[in-house]
């Protein structure tokens, strides 16, 4: 692996480990946070979750020989 690839892998690992918890819609529904705050929290959570899902799918397909 090149130094650049190692650095990228470290950044990906940090992002996954720092993934925020999925926000609770009830917090917005009951006025604990604004809609903008909820959407911002959700988008941050979803970005990492989508990335992790893509990695999982890639590994799954690779193991199946696809």
Protein backbone atom coordinates (compact mmCIF):
# COMPACT_ATOMS: atom_id res chain seq x y z
CA UNK A 1 0.00 0.00 0.00
CA UNK A 2 1.16 3.49 -0.73
CA UNK A 3 1.37 6.12 1.98
CA UNK A 4 -1.60 7.85 0.36
CA UNK A 5 -3.71 4.68 0.54
CA UNK A 6 -2.77 4.10 4.17
CA UNK A 7 -3.71 7.69 5.02
CA UNK A 8 -7.06 7.29 3.25
CA UNK A 9 -7.75 4.03 5.09
CA UNK A 10 -6.96 5.70 8.42
CA UNK A 11 -9.36 8.57 7.64
CA UNK A 12 -12.10 6.13 6.66
CA UNK A 13 -11.57 4.17 9.88
CA UNK A 14 -11.74 7.38 11.95
CA UNK A 15 -14.99 8.42 10.23
CA UNK A 16 -16.59 5.04 10.87
CA UNK A 17 -15.51 5.01 14.52
CA UNK A 18 -16.76 8.58 15.02
CA UNK A 19 -20.14 7.90 13.42
CA UNK A 20 -22.82 9.68 15.39
CA UNK A 21 -25.81 7.76 16.65
CA UNK A 22 -28.84 7.73 14.41
CA UNK A 23 -30.94 10.69 15.53
CA UNK A 24 -34.31 9.95 17.06
CA UNK A 25 -37.20 11.44 15.08
CA UNK A 26 -39.09 11.83 18.34
CA UNK A 27 -36.56 14.44 19.44
CA UNK A 28 -37.73 16.60 16.55
CA UNK A 29 -41.35 15.56 16.91
CA UNK A 30 -41.44 16.54 20.60
CA UNK A 31 -39.50 19.77 20.13
CA UNK A 32 -36.15 18.67 21.60
CA UNK A 33 -34.41 19.86 18.43
CA UNK A 34 -35.31 21.86 15.34
CA UNK A 35 -36.05 20.27 11.99
CA UNK A 36 -32.76 21.65 10.62
CA UNK A 37 -30.81 20.11 13.51
CA UNK A 38 -32.54 16.75 13.02
CA UNK A 39 -31.90 16.76 9.26
CA UNK A 40 -28.25 17.74 9.77
CA UNK A 41 -27.72 14.96 12.34
CA UNK A 42 -29.50 12.45 10.12
CA UNK A 43 -27.45 13.38 7.05
CA UNK A 44 -24.18 13.00 8.98
CA UNK A 45 -25.27 9.61 10.29
CA UNK A 46 -26.56 8.46 6.88
CA UNK A 47 -23.37 9.43 5.04
CA UNK A 48 -21.27 7.09 7.16
CA UNK A 49 -23.96 4.40 7.25
CA UNK A 50 -24.25 4.38 3.45
CA UNK A 51 -20.48 4.09 3.13
CA UNK A 52 -20.31 1.18 5.58
CA UNK A 53 -23.18 -0.53 3.74
CA UNK A 54 -21.35 -0.12 0.42
CA UNK A 55 -18.20 -1.66 1.89
CA UNK A 56 -20.20 -4.57 3.32
CA UNK A 57 -21.88 -5.14 -0.05
CA UNK A 58 -18.53 -5.04 -1.85
CA UNK A 59 -17.06 -7.65 0.54
CA UNK A 60 -20.17 -9.81 0.24
CA UNK A 61 -20.04 -9.73 -3.57
CA UNK A 62 -16.29 -10.32 -3.62
CA UNK A 63 -16.71 -13.41 -1.43
CA UNK A 64 -19.41 -14.69 -3.79
CA UNK A 65 -17.14 -14.12 -6.79
CA UNK A 66 -19.26 -11.38 -8.33
